[in-house]
Amino acid sequence: WEKLISHEKKRTLLKKAYQAYTEEHPTPWKKLLNPDVP
């Protein structure tokens, strides 16, 4: 986030709101799993 947004206050607000965004766009773990893991 420091790389993405240099302004600290703006970065804090965007990062906080991003949590809700990730819940709306969850990580597709099964699709991204390295098949060699099991």
PDB file of all heavy atoms in Angstrom:
ATOM      1  N   TRP A   1       0.811  -1.213   0.000  1.00  0.00           N
ATOM      2  CA  TRP A   1       0.000   0.000   0.000  1.00  0.00           C
ATOM      3  C   TRP A   1       0.844   1.263   0.000  1.00  0.00           C
ATOM      4  O   TRP A   1       0.449   2.290  -0.555  1.00  0.00           O
ATOM      5  CB  TRP A   1      -0.981  -0.021   1.180  1.00  0.00           C
ATOM      6  CG  TRP A   1      -2.163  -0.886   0.877  1.00  0.00           C
ATOM      7  CD1 TRP A   1      -2.365  -2.186   1.252  1.00  0.00           C
ATOM      8  CD2 TRP A   1      -3.290  -0.531   0.082  1.00  0.00           C
ATOM      9  NE1 TRP A   1      -3.533  -2.670   0.743  1.00  0.00           N
ATOM     10  CE2 TRP A   1      -4.133  -1.679   0.022  1.00  0.00           C
ATOM     11  CE3 TRP A   1      -3.673   0.625  -0.589  1.00  0.00           C
ATOM     12  CZ2 TRP A   1      -5.331  -1.675  -0.687  1.00  0.00           C
ATOM     13  CZ3 TRP A   1      -4.876   0.625  -1.284  1.00  0.00           C
ATOM     14  CH2 TRP A   1      -5.687  -0.510  -1.325  1.00  0.00           C
ATOM     15  N   GLU A   2       2.015   1.193   0.595  1.00  0.00           N
ATOM     16  CA  GLU A   2       2.926   2.339   0.554  1.00  0.00           C
ATOM     17  C   GLU A   2       3.415   2.599  -0.867  1.00  0.00           C
ATOM     18  O   GLU A   2       3.621   3.738  -1.282  1.00  0.00           O
ATOM     19  CB  GLU A   2       4.110   2.102   1.491  1.00  0.00           C
ATOM     20  CG  GLU A   2       3.742   2.223   2.963  1.00  0.00           C
ATOM     21  CD  GLU A   2       4.885   1.842   3.877  1.00  0.00           C
ATOM     22  OE1 GLU A   2       5.998   1.574   3.362  1.00  0.00           O
ATOM     23  OE2 GLU A   2       4.692   1.819   5.106  1.00  0.00           O
ATOM     24  N   LYS A   3       3.602   1.526  -1.623  1.00  0.00           N
ATOM     25  CA  LYS A   3       3.998   1.667  -3.028  1.00  0.00           C
ATOM     26  C   LYS A   3       2.863   2.248  -3.868  1.00  0.00           C
ATOM     27  O   LYS A   3       3.091   3.021  -4.789  1.00  0.00           O
ATOM     28  CB  LYS A   3       4.387   0.304  -3.604  1.00  0.00           C
ATOM     29  CG  LYS A   3       5.740  -0.223  -3.168  1.00  0.00           C
ATOM     30  CD  LYS A   3       6.035  -1.543  -3.871  1.00  0.00           C
ATOM     31  CE  LYS A   3       7.403  -2.084  -3.514  1.00  0.00           C
ATOM     32  NZ  LYS A   3       7.706  -3.362  -4.215  1.00  0.00           N
ATOM     33  N   LEU A   4       1.641   1.857  -3.533  1.00  0.00           N
ATOM     34  CA  LEU A   4       0.497   2.255  -4.343  1.00  0.00           C
ATOM     35  C   LEU A   4       0.041   3.685  -4.094  1.00  0.00           C
ATOM     36  O   LEU A   4      -0.275   4.421  -5.021  1.00  0.00           O
ATOM     37  CB  LEU A   4      -0.675   1.295  -4.095  1.00  0.00           C
ATOM     38  CG  LEU A   4      -0.493  -0.159  -4.538  1.00  0.00           C
ATOM     39  CD1 LEU A   4      -1.668  -1.009  -4.082  1.00  0.00           C
ATOM     40  CD2 LEU A   4      -0.328  -0.232  -6.051  1.00  0.00           C
ATOM     41  N   ILE A   5      -0.006   4.055  -2.800  1.00  0.00           N
ATOM     42  CA  ILE A   5      -0.527   5.376  -2.422  1.00  0.00           C
ATOM     43  C   ILE A   5       0.474   6.074  -1.510  1.00  0.00           C
ATOM     44  O   ILE A   5       0.720   5.640  -0.376  1.00  0.00           O
ATOM     45  CB  ILE A   5      -1.887   5.260  -1.684  1.00  0.00           C
ATOM     46  CG1 ILE A   5      -2.873   4.403  -2.485  1.00  0.00           C
ATOM     47  CG2 ILE A   5      -2.455   6.647  -1.400  1.00  0.00           C
ATOM     48  CD1 ILE A   5      -3.282   4.998  -3.813  1.00  0.00           C
ATOM     49  N   SER A   6       1.051   7.162  -1.973  1.00  0.00           N
ATOM     50  CA  SER A   6       2.079   7.865  -1.189  1.00  0.00           C
ATOM     51  C   SER A   6       1.498   8.712  -0.060  1.00  0.00           C
ATOM     52  O   SER A   6       2.114   8.854   0.996  1.00  0.00           O
ATOM     53  CB  SER A   6       2.925   8.751  -2.113  1.00  0.00           C
ATOM     54  OG  SER A   6       2.098   9.696  -2.785  1.00  0.00           O
ATOM     55  N   HIS A   7       0.289   9.261  -0.269  1.00  0.00           N
ATOM     56  CA  HIS A   7      -0.331  10.121   0.742  1.00  0.00           C
ATOM     57  C   HIS A   7      -0.898   9.265   1.871  1.00  0.00           C
ATOM     58  O   HIS A   7      -1.771   8.423   1.657  1.00  0.00           O
ATOM     59  CB  HIS A   7      -1.451  10.948   0.102  1.00  0.00           C
ATOM     60  CG  HIS A   7      -1.978  12.037   0.982  1.00  0.00           C
ATOM     61  ND1 HIS A   7      -2.904  11.805   1.973  1.00  0.00           N
ATOM     62  CD2 HIS A   7      -1.685  13.369   1.036  1.00  0.00           C
ATOM     63  CE1 HIS A   7      -3.188  12.948   2.581  1.00  0.00           C
ATOM     64  NE2 HIS A   7      -2.458  13.917   2.041  1.00  0.00           N
ATOM     65  N   GLU A   8      -0.392   9.459   3.078  1.00  0.00           N
ATOM     66  CA  GLU A   8      -0.731   8.574   4.196  1.00  0.00           C
ATOM     67  C   GLU A   8      -2.220   8.539   4.534  1.00  0.00           C
ATOM     68  O   GLU A   8      -2.798   7.461   4.709  1.00  0.00           O
ATOM     69  CB  GLU A   8       0.068   8.977   5.440  1.00  0.00           C
ATOM     70  CG  GLU A   8      -0.131   8.027   6.611  1.00  0.00           C
ATOM     71  CD  GLU A   8       0.738   8.373   7.811  1.00  0.00           C
ATOM     72  OE1 GLU A   8       1.533   9.330   7.708  1.00  0.00           O
ATOM     73  OE2 GLU A   8       0.600   7.695   8.844  1.00  0.00           O
ATOM     74  N   LYS A   9      -2.854   9.697   4.634  1.00  0.00           N
ATOM     75  CA  LYS A   9      -4.266   9.730   5.007  1.00  0.00           C
ATOM     76  C   LYS A   9      -5.130   9.070   3.939  1.00  0.00           C
ATOM     77  O   LYS A   9      -6.031   8.273   4.251  1.00  0.00           O
ATOM     78  CB  LYS A   9      -4.718  11.182   5.213  1.00  0.00           C
ATOM     79  CG  LYS A   9      -6.145  11.296   5.740  1.00  0.00           C
ATOM     80  CD  LYS A   9      -6.509  12.746   6.037  1.00  0.00           C
ATOM     81  CE  LYS A   9      -7.934  12.836   6.576  1.00  0.00           C
ATOM     82  NZ  LYS A   9      -8.305  14.252   6.890  1.00  0.00           N
ATOM     83  N   LYS A  10      -4.835   9.367   2.687  1.00  0.00           N
ATOM     84  CA  LYS A  10      -5.583   8.772   1.581  1.00  0.00           C
ATOM     85  C   LYS A  10      -5.358   7.265   1.552  1.00  0.00           C
ATOM     86  O   LYS A  10      -6.295   6.490   1.316  1.00  0.00           O
ATOM     87  CB  LYS A  10      -5.136   9.401   0.263  1.00  0.00           C
ATOM     88  CG  LYS A  10      -5.966   8.964  -0.942  1.00  0.00           C
ATOM     89  CD  LYS A  10      -5.533   9.729  -2.186  1.00  0.00           C
ATOM     90  CE  LYS A  10      -6.430   9.374  -3.373  1.00  0.00           C
ATOM     91  NZ  LYS A  10      -6.013  10.136  -4.596  1.00  0.00           N
ATOM     92  N   ARG A  11      -4.121   6.849   1.809  1.00  0.00           N
ATOM     93  CA  ARG A  11      -3.788   5.423   1.825  1.00  0.00           C
ATOM     94  C   ARG A  11      -4.572   4.688   2.903  1.00  0.00           C
ATOM     95  O   ARG A  11      -5.108   3.602   2.668  1.00  0.00           O
ATOM     96  CB  ARG A  11      -2.289   5.235   2.049  1.00  0.00           C
ATOM     97  CG  ARG A  11      -1.853   3.776   2.075  1.00  0.00           C
ATOM     98  CD  ARG A  11      -0.340   3.651   2.090  1.00  0.00           C
ATOM     99  NE  ARG A  11       0.273   4.152   3.289  1.00  0.00           N
ATOM    100  CZ  ARG A  11       1.127   5.175   3.344  1.00  0.00           C
ATOM    101  NH1 ARG A  11       1.464   5.827   2.238  1.00  0.00           N
ATOM    102  NH2 ARG A  11       1.663   5.555   4.490  1.00  0.00           N
ATOM    103  N   THR A  12      -4.671   5.288   4.078  1.00  0.00           N
ATOM    104  CA  THR A  12      -5.387   4.676   5.199  1.00  0.00           C
ATOM    105  C   THR A  12      -6.861   4.470   4.867  1.00  0.00           C
ATOM    106  O   THR A  12      -7.429   3.403   5.134  1.00  0.00           O
ATOM    107  CB  THR A  12      -5.256   5.539   6.459  1.00  0.00           C
ATOM    108  OG1 THR A  12      -3.871   5.673   6.791  1.00  0.00           O
ATOM    109  CG2 THR A  12      -5.996   4.912   7.634  1.00  0.00           C
ATOM    110  N   LEU A  13      -7.483   5.480   4.259  1.00  0.00           N
ATOM    111  CA  LEU A  13      -8.900   5.402   3.910  1.00  0.00           C
ATOM    112  C   LEU A  13      -9.152   4.358   2.823  1.00  0.00           C
ATOM    113  O   LEU A  13     -10.083   3.545   2.924  1.00  0.00           O
ATOM    114  CB  LEU A  13      -9.391   6.771   3.438  1.00  0.00           C
ATOM    115  CG  LEU A  13      -9.455   7.872   4.511  1.00  0.00           C
ATOM    116  CD1 LEU A  13      -9.785   9.216   3.873  1.00  0.00           C
ATOM    117  CD2 LEU A  13     -10.492   7.525   5.570  1.00  0.00           C
ATOM    118  N   LEU A  14      -8.307   4.356   1.816  1.00  0.00           N
ATOM    119  CA  LEU A  14      -8.482   3.407   0.717  1.00  0.00           C
ATOM    120  C   LEU A  14      -8.228   1.972   1.174  1.00  0.00           C
ATOM    121  O   LEU A  14      -8.939   1.042   0.776  1.00  0.00           O
ATOM    122  CB  LEU A  14      -7.533   3.755  -0.433  1.00  0.00           C
ATOM    123  CG  LEU A  14      -7.937   4.960  -1.289  1.00  0.00           C
ATOM    124  CD1 LEU A  14      -6.796   5.357  -2.213  1.00  0.00           C
ATOM    125  CD2 LEU A  14      -9.185   4.639  -2.101  1.00  0.00           C
ATOM    126  N   LYS A  15      -7.221   1.793   2.006  1.00  0.00           N
ATOM    127  CA  LYS A  15      -6.900   0.459   2.505  1.00  0.00           C
ATOM    128  C   LYS A  15      -8.039  -0.094   3.357  1.00  0.00           C
ATOM    129  O   LYS A  15      -8.385  -1.280   3.259  1.00  0.00           O
ATOM    130  CB  LYS A  15      -5.604   0.515   3.315  1.00  0.00           C
ATOM    131  CG  LYS A  15      -5.122  -0.841   3.800  1.00  0.00           C
ATOM    132  CD  LYS A  15      -3.816  -0.713   4.573  1.00  0.00           C
ATOM    133  CE  LYS A  15      -3.367  -2.070   5.103  1.00  0.00           C
ATOM    134  NZ  LYS A  15      -2.121  -1.954   5.894  1.00  0.00           N
ATOM    135  N   LYS A  16      -8.652   0.765   4.169  1.00  0.00           N
ATOM    136  CA  LYS A  16      -9.755   0.338   5.021  1.00  0.00           C
ATOM    137  C   LYS A  16     -10.953  -0.083   4.167  1.00  0.00           C
ATOM    138  O   LYS A  16     -11.575  -1.126   4.423  1.00  0.00           O
ATOM    139  CB  LYS A  16     -10.147   1.471   5.976  1.00  0.00           C
ATOM    140  CG  LYS A  16     -11.235   1.090   6.960  1.00  0.00           C
ATOM    141  CD  LYS A  16     -11.529   2.239   7.922  1.00  0.00           C
ATOM    142  CE  LYS A  16     -12.602   1.838   8.923  1.00  0.00           C
ATOM    143  NZ  LYS A  16     -12.899   2.955   9.877  1.00  0.00           N
ATOM    144  N   ALA A  17     -11.260   0.700   3.156  1.00  0.00           N
ATOM    145  CA  ALA A  17     -12.399   0.390   2.282  1.00  0.00           C
ATOM    146  C   ALA A  17     -12.122  -0.843   1.427  1.00  0.00           C
ATOM    147  O   ALA A  17     -13.051  -1.544   1.001  1.00  0.00           O
ATOM    148  CB  ALA A  17     -12.709   1.590   1.394  1.00  0.00           C
ATOM    149  N   TYR A  18     -10.856  -1.129   1.192  1.00  0.00           N
ATOM    150  CA  TYR A  18     -10.477  -2.281   0.363  1.00  0.00           C
ATOM    151  C   TYR A  18     -10.868  -3.607   1.017  1.00  0.00           C
ATOM    152  O   TYR A  18     -11.100  -4.599   0.329  1.00  0.00           O
ATOM    153  CB  TYR A  18      -8.970  -2.242   0.098  1.00  0.00           C
ATOM    154  CG  TYR A  18      -8.467  -3.336  -0.821  1.00  0.00           C
ATOM    155  CD1 TYR A  18      -8.856  -3.369  -2.160  1.00  0.00           C
ATOM    156  CD2 TYR A  18      -7.600  -4.320  -0.357  1.00  0.00           C
ATOM    157  CE1 TYR A  18      -8.395  -4.370  -3.014  1.00  0.00           C
ATOM    158  CE2 TYR A  18      -7.127  -5.322  -1.205  1.00  0.00           C
ATOM    159  CZ  TYR A  18      -7.528  -5.333  -2.531  1.00  0.00           C
ATOM    160  OH  TYR A  18      -7.063  -6.329  -3.362  1.00  0.00           O
ATOM    161  N   GLN A  19     -10.958  -3.610   2.335  1.00  0.00           N
ATOM    162  CA  GLN A  19     -11.350  -4.837   3.035  1.00  0.00           C
ATOM    163  C   GLN A  19     -12.735  -5.300   2.603  1.00  0.00           C
ATOM    164  O   GLN A  19     -12.971  -6.490   2.363  1.00  0.00           O
ATOM    165  CB  GLN A  19     -11.314  -4.609   4.554  1.00  0.00           C
ATOM    166  CG  GLN A  19      -9.943  -4.264   5.102  1.00  0.00           C
ATOM    167  CD  GLN A  19      -8.894  -5.292   4.732  1.00  0.00           C
ATOM    168  OE1 GLN A  19      -9.102  -6.499   4.869  1.00  0.00           O
ATOM    169  NE2 GLN A  19      -7.759  -4.831   4.238  1.00  0.00           N
ATOM    170  N   ALA A  20     -13.654  -4.344   2.487  1.00  0.00           N
ATOM    171  CA  ALA A  20     -15.009  -4.678   2.035  1.00  0.00           C
ATOM    172  C   ALA A  20     -14.985  -5.134   0.583  1.00  0.00           C
ATOM    173  O   ALA A  20     -15.714  -6.058   0.186  1.00  0.00           O
ATOM    174  CB  ALA A  20     -15.933  -3.476   2.196  1.00  0.00           C
ATOM    175  N   TYR A  21     -14.126  -4.514  -0.215  1.00  0.00           N
ATOM    176  CA  TYR A  21     -14.010  -4.870  -1.634  1.00  0.00           C
ATOM    177  C   TYR A  21     -13.520  -6.308  -1.792  1.00  0.00           C
ATOM    178  O   TYR A  21     -13.994  -7.042  -2.656  1.00  0.00           O
ATOM    179  CB  TYR A  21     -13.050  -3.893  -2.319  1.00  0.00           C
ATOM    180  CG  TYR A  21     -12.972  -4.051  -3.817  1.00  0.00           C
ATOM    181  CD1 TYR A  21     -13.896  -3.422  -4.650  1.00  0.00           C
ATOM    182  CD2 TYR A  21     -11.965  -4.808  -4.411  1.00  0.00           C
ATOM    183  CE1 TYR A  21     -13.829  -3.555  -6.033  1.00  0.00           C
ATOM    184  CE2 TYR A  21     -11.882  -4.950  -5.788  1.00  0.00           C
ATOM    185  CZ  TYR A  21     -12.809  -4.316  -6.599  1.00  0.00           C
ATOM    186  OH  TYR A  21     -12.739  -4.459  -7.966  1.00  0.00           O
ATOM    187  N   THR A  22     -12.572  -6.714  -0.950  1.00  0.00           N
ATOM    188  CA  THR A  22     -12.048  -8.086  -1.038  1.00  0.00           C
ATOM    189  C   THR A  22     -13.118  -9.109  -0.644  1.00  0.00           C
ATOM    190  O   THR A  22     -13.120 -10.233  -1.148  1.00  0.00           O
ATOM    191  CB  THR A  22     -10.813  -8.282  -0.151  1.00  0.00           C
ATOM    192  OG1 THR A  22     -11.150  -8.013   1.220  1.00  0.00           O
ATOM    193  CG2 THR A  22      -9.685  -7.375  -0.587  1.00  0.00           C
ATOM    194  N   GLU A  23     -14.016  -8.721   0.245  1.00  0.00           N
ATOM    195  CA  GLU A  23     -15.105  -9.622   0.619  1.00  0.00           C
ATOM    196  C   GLU A  23     -16.089  -9.793  -0.538  1.00  0.00           C
ATOM    197  O   GLU A  23     -16.678 -10.856  -0.713  1.00  0.00           O
ATOM    198  CB  GLU A  23     -15.815  -9.084   1.865  1.00  0.00           C
ATOM    199  CG  GLU A  23     -14.950  -9.141   3.124  1.00  0.00           C
ATOM    200  CD  GLU A  23     -15.636  -8.529   4.329  1.00  0.00           C
ATOM    201  OE1 GLU A  23     -16.829  -8.171   4.213  1.00  0.00           O
ATOM    202  OE2 GLU A  23     -14.980  -8.399   5.384  1.00  0.00           O
ATOM    203  N   GLU A  24     -16.252  -8.728  -1.316  1.00  0.00           N
ATOM    204  CA  GLU A  24     -17.130  -8.777  -2.486  1.00  0.00           C
ATOM    205  C   GLU A  24     -16.456  -9.504  -3.649  1.00  0.00           C
ATOM    206  O   GLU A  24     -17.128 -10.038  -4.541  1.00  0.00           O
ATOM    207  CB  GLU A  24     -17.495  -7.358  -2.921  1.00  0.00           C
ATOM    208  CG  GLU A  24     -18.322  -6.589  -1.889  1.00  0.00           C
ATOM    209  CD  GLU A  24     -18.441  -5.111  -2.239  1.00  0.00           C
ATOM    210  OE1 GLU A  24     -17.917  -4.712  -3.307  1.00  0.00           O
ATOM    211  OE2 GLU A  24     -19.032  -4.360  -1.454  1.00  0.00           O
ATOM    212  N   HIS A  25     -15.118  -9.509  -3.633  1.00  0.00           N
ATOM    213  CA  HIS A  25     -14.332 -10.165  -4.688  1.00  0.00           C
ATOM    214  C   HIS A  25     -13.325 -11.106  -4.014  1.00  0.00           C
ATOM    215  O   HIS A  25     -12.119 -10.859  -4.009  1.00  0.00           O
ATOM    216  CB  HIS A  25     -13.597  -9.129  -5.543  1.00  0.00           C
ATOM    217  CG  HIS A  25     -14.498  -8.115  -6.172  1.00  0.00           C
ATOM    218  ND1 HIS A  25     -14.975  -7.014  -5.472  1.00  0.00           N
ATOM    219  CD2 HIS A  25     -15.025  -8.041  -7.423  1.00  0.00           C
ATOM    220  CE1 HIS A  25     -15.744  -6.297  -6.284  1.00  0.00           C
ATOM    221  NE2 HIS A  25     -15.788  -6.895  -7.472  1.00  0.00           N
ATOM    222  N   PRO A  26     -13.804 -12.207  -3.425  1.00  0.00           N
ATOM    223  CA  PRO A  26     -12.939 -13.112  -2.653  1.00  0.00           C
ATOM    224  C   PRO A  26     -11.908 -13.839  -3.512  1.00  0.00           C
ATOM    225  O   PRO A  26     -12.088 -14.013  -4.721  1.00  0.00           O
ATOM    226  CB  PRO A  26     -13.937 -14.098  -2.039  1.00  0.00           C
ATOM    227  CG  PRO A  26     -15.092 -14.095  -2.994  1.00  0.00           C
ATOM    228  CD  PRO A  26     -15.201 -12.681  -3.485  1.00  0.00           C
ATOM    229  N   THR A  27     -10.840 -14.251  -2.870  1.00  0.00           N
ATOM    230  CA  THR A  27      -9.785 -15.002  -3.553  1.00  0.00           C
ATOM    231  C   THR A  27     -10.301 -16.387  -3.937  1.00  0.00           C
ATOM    232  O   THR A  27     -10.775 -17.134  -3.079  1.00  0.00           O
ATOM    233  CB  THR A  27      -8.561 -15.159  -2.626  1.00  0.00           C
ATOM    234  OG1 THR A  27      -8.169 -13.869  -2.151  1.00  0.00           O
ATOM    235  CG2 THR A  27      -7.405 -15.810  -3.385  1.00  0.00           C
ATOM    236  N   PRO A  28     -10.220 -16.771  -5.207  1.00  0.00           N
ATOM    237  CA  PRO A  28     -10.685 -18.099  -5.642  1.00  0.00           C
ATOM    238  C   PRO A  28      -9.616 -19.158  -5.357  1.00  0.00           C
ATOM    239  O   PRO A  28      -8.904 -19.613  -6.253  1.00  0.00           O
ATOM    240  CB  PRO A  28     -10.906 -17.903  -7.142  1.00  0.00           C
ATOM    241  CG  PRO A  28      -9.894 -16.876  -7.538  1.00  0.00           C
ATOM    242  CD  PRO A  28      -9.780 -15.946  -6.347  1.00  0.00           C
ATOM    243  N   TRP A  29      -9.515 -19.542  -4.098  1.00  0.00           N
ATOM    244  CA  TRP A  29      -8.422 -20.405  -3.657  1.00  0.00           C
ATOM    245  C   TRP A  29      -8.317 -21.711  -4.435  1.00  0.00           C
ATOM    246  O   TRP A  29      -7.217 -22.141  -4.806  1.00  0.00           O
ATOM    247  CB  TRP A  29      -8.569 -20.710  -2.171  1.00  0.00           C
ATOM    248  CG  TRP A  29      -8.367 -19.527  -1.289  1.00  0.00           C
ATOM    249  CD1 TRP A  29      -9.298 -18.914  -0.498  1.00  0.00           C
ATOM    250  CD2 TRP A  29      -7.144 -18.798  -1.097  1.00  0.00           C
ATOM    251  NE1 TRP A  29      -8.746 -17.841   0.165  1.00  0.00           N
ATOM    252  CE2 TRP A  29      -7.423 -17.747  -0.174  1.00  0.00           C
ATOM    253  CE3 TRP A  29      -5.852 -18.914  -1.609  1.00  0.00           C
ATOM    254  CZ2 TRP A  29      -6.454 -16.843   0.239  1.00  0.00           C
ATOM    255  CZ3 TRP A  29      -4.884 -18.008  -1.200  1.00  0.00           C
ATOM    256  CH2 TRP A  29      -5.189 -16.988  -0.292  1.00  0.00           C
ATOM    257  N   LYS A  30      -9.425 -22.349  -4.679  1.00  0.00           N
ATOM    258  CA  LYS A  30      -9.384 -23.650  -5.362  1.00  0.00           C
ATOM    259  C   LYS A  30      -8.849 -23.518  -6.783  1.00  0.00           C
ATOM    260  O   LYS A  30      -8.145 -24.403  -7.291  1.00  0.00           O
ATOM    261  CB  LYS A  30     -10.769 -24.301  -5.358  1.00  0.00           C
ATOM    262  CG  LYS A  30     -11.234 -24.709  -3.964  1.00  0.00           C
ATOM    263  CD  LYS A  30     -12.505 -25.525  -4.013  1.00  0.00           C
ATOM    264  CE  LYS A  30     -13.004 -25.863  -2.613  1.00  0.00           C
ATOM    265  NZ  LYS A  30     -12.012 -26.672  -1.862  1.00  0.00           N
ATOM    266  N   LYS A  31      -9.161 -22.412  -7.428  1.00  0.00           N
ATOM    267  CA  LYS A  31      -8.688 -22.159  -8.784  1.00  0.00           C
ATOM    268  C   LYS A  31      -7.196 -21.836  -8.795  1.00  0.00           C
ATOM    269  O   LYS A  31      -6.475 -22.215  -9.733  1.00  0.00           O
ATOM    270  CB  LYS A  31      -9.484 -21.003  -9.399  1.00  0.00           C
ATOM    271  CG  LYS A  31      -9.069 -20.647 -10.814  1.00  0.00           C
ATOM    272  CD  LYS A  31      -9.894 -19.479 -11.340  1.00  0.00           C
ATOM    273  CE  LYS A  31      -9.456 -19.084 -12.747  1.00  0.00           C
ATOM    274  NZ  LYS A  31     -10.249 -17.921 -13.260  1.00  0.00           N
ATOM    275  N   LEU A  32      -6.729 -21.151  -7.766  1.00  0.00           N
ATOM    276  CA  LEU A  32      -5.338 -20.691  -7.723  1.00  0.00           C
ATOM    277  C   LEU A  32      -4.394 -21.647  -7.003  1.00  0.00           C
ATOM    278  O   LEU A  32      -3.180 -21.447  -7.003  1.00  0.00           O
ATOM    279  CB  LEU A  32      -5.278 -19.317  -7.032  1.00  0.00           C
ATOM    280  CG  LEU A  32      -6.102 -18.202  -7.698  1.00  0.00           C
ATOM    281  CD1 LEU A  32      -6.019 -16.927  -6.871  1.00  0.00           C
ATOM    282  CD2 LEU A  32      -5.622 -17.945  -9.121  1.00  0.00           C
ATOM    283  N   LEU A  33      -4.939 -22.695  -6.404  1.00  0.00           N
ATOM    284  CA  LEU A  33      -4.122 -23.663  -5.677  1.00  0.00           C
ATOM    285  C   LEU A  33      -3.072 -24.306  -6.577  1.00  0.00           C
ATOM    286  O   LEU A  33      -3.375 -24.736  -7.691  1.00  0.00           O
ATOM    287  CB  LEU A  33      -5.025 -24.758  -5.097  1.00  0.00           C
ATOM    288  CG  LEU A  33      -4.329 -25.963  -4.437  1.00  0.00           C
ATOM    289  CD1 LEU A  33      -3.666 -25.547  -3.138  1.00  0.00           C
ATOM    290  CD2 LEU A  33      -5.329 -27.085  -4.210  1.00  0.00           C
ATOM    291  N   ASN A  34      -1.840 -24.366  -6.094  1.00  0.00           N
ATOM    292  CA  ASN A  34      -0.810 -25.130  -6.790  1.00  0.00           C
ATOM    293  C   ASN A  34      -1.232 -26.604  -6.713  1.00  0.00           C
ATOM    294  O   ASN A  34      -1.347 -27.161  -5.617  1.00  0.00           O
ATOM    295  CB  ASN A  34       0.539 -24.926  -6.103  1.00  0.00           C
ATOM    296  CG  ASN A  34       1.681 -25.650  -6.791  1.00  0.00           C
ATOM    297  OD1 ASN A  34       1.493 -26.683  -7.423  1.00  0.00           O
ATOM    298  ND2 ASN A  34       2.891 -25.128  -6.645  1.00  0.00           N
ATOM    299  N   PRO A  35      -1.454 -27.265  -7.843  1.00  0.00           N
ATOM    300  CA  PRO A  35      -1.973 -28.644  -7.817  1.00  0.00           C
ATOM    301  C   PRO A  35      -1.036 -29.653  -7.159  1.00  0.00           C
ATOM    302  O   PRO A  35      -1.469 -30.759  -6.820  1.00  0.00           O
ATOM    303  CB  PRO A  35      -2.186 -28.970  -9.303  1.00  0.00           C
ATOM    304  CG  PRO A  35      -1.271 -28.032 -10.036  1.00  0.00           C
ATOM    305  CD  PRO A  35      -1.275 -26.770  -9.225  1.00  0.00           C
ATOM    306  N   ASP A  36       0.221 -29.279  -6.967  1.00  0.00           N
ATOM    307  CA  ASP A  36       1.186 -30.187  -6.339  1.00  0.00           C
ATOM    308  C   ASP A  36       1.119 -30.169  -4.811  1.00  0.00           C
ATOM    309  O   ASP A  36       1.773 -30.979  -4.154  1.00  0.00           O
ATOM    310  CB  ASP A  36       2.615 -29.820  -6.754  1.00  0.00           C
ATOM    311  CG  ASP A  36       2.896 -30.141  -8.216  1.00  0.00           C
ATOM    312  OD1 ASP A  36       2.178 -30.983  -8.780  1.00  0.00           O
ATOM    313  OD2 ASP A  36       3.828 -29.547  -8.782  1.00  0.00           O
ATOM    314  N   VAL A  37       0.340 -29.253  -4.250  1.00  0.00           N
ATOM    315  CA  VAL A  37       0.305 -29.101  -2.796  1.00  0.00           C
ATOM    316  C   VAL A  37      -0.150 -30.365  -2.063  1.00  0.00           C
ATOM    317  O   VAL A  37       0.549 -30.835  -1.151  1.00  0.00           O
ATOM    318  CB  VAL A  37      -0.577 -27.894  -2.386  1.00  0.00           C
ATOM    319  CG1 VAL A  37      -0.863 -27.910  -0.884  1.00  0.00           C
ATOM    320  CG2 VAL A  37       0.130 -26.593  -2.750  1.00  0.00           C
ATOM    321  N   PRO A  38      -1.289 -30.956  -2.385  1.00  0.00           N
ATOM    322  CA  PRO A  38      -1.748 -32.136  -1.619  1.00  0.00           C
ATOM    323  C   PRO A  38      -0.730 -33.270  -1.590  1.00  0.00           C
ATOM    324  O   PRO A  38      -0.443 -33.834  -0.526  1.00  0.00           O
ATOM    325  CB  PRO A  38      -3.036 -32.542  -2.346  1.00  0.00           C
ATOM    326  CG  PRO A  38      -3.520 -31.290  -2.987  1.00  0.00           C
ATOM    327  CD  PRO A  38      -2.284 -30.566  -3.417  1.00  0.00           C
TER     328      PRO A  38
END
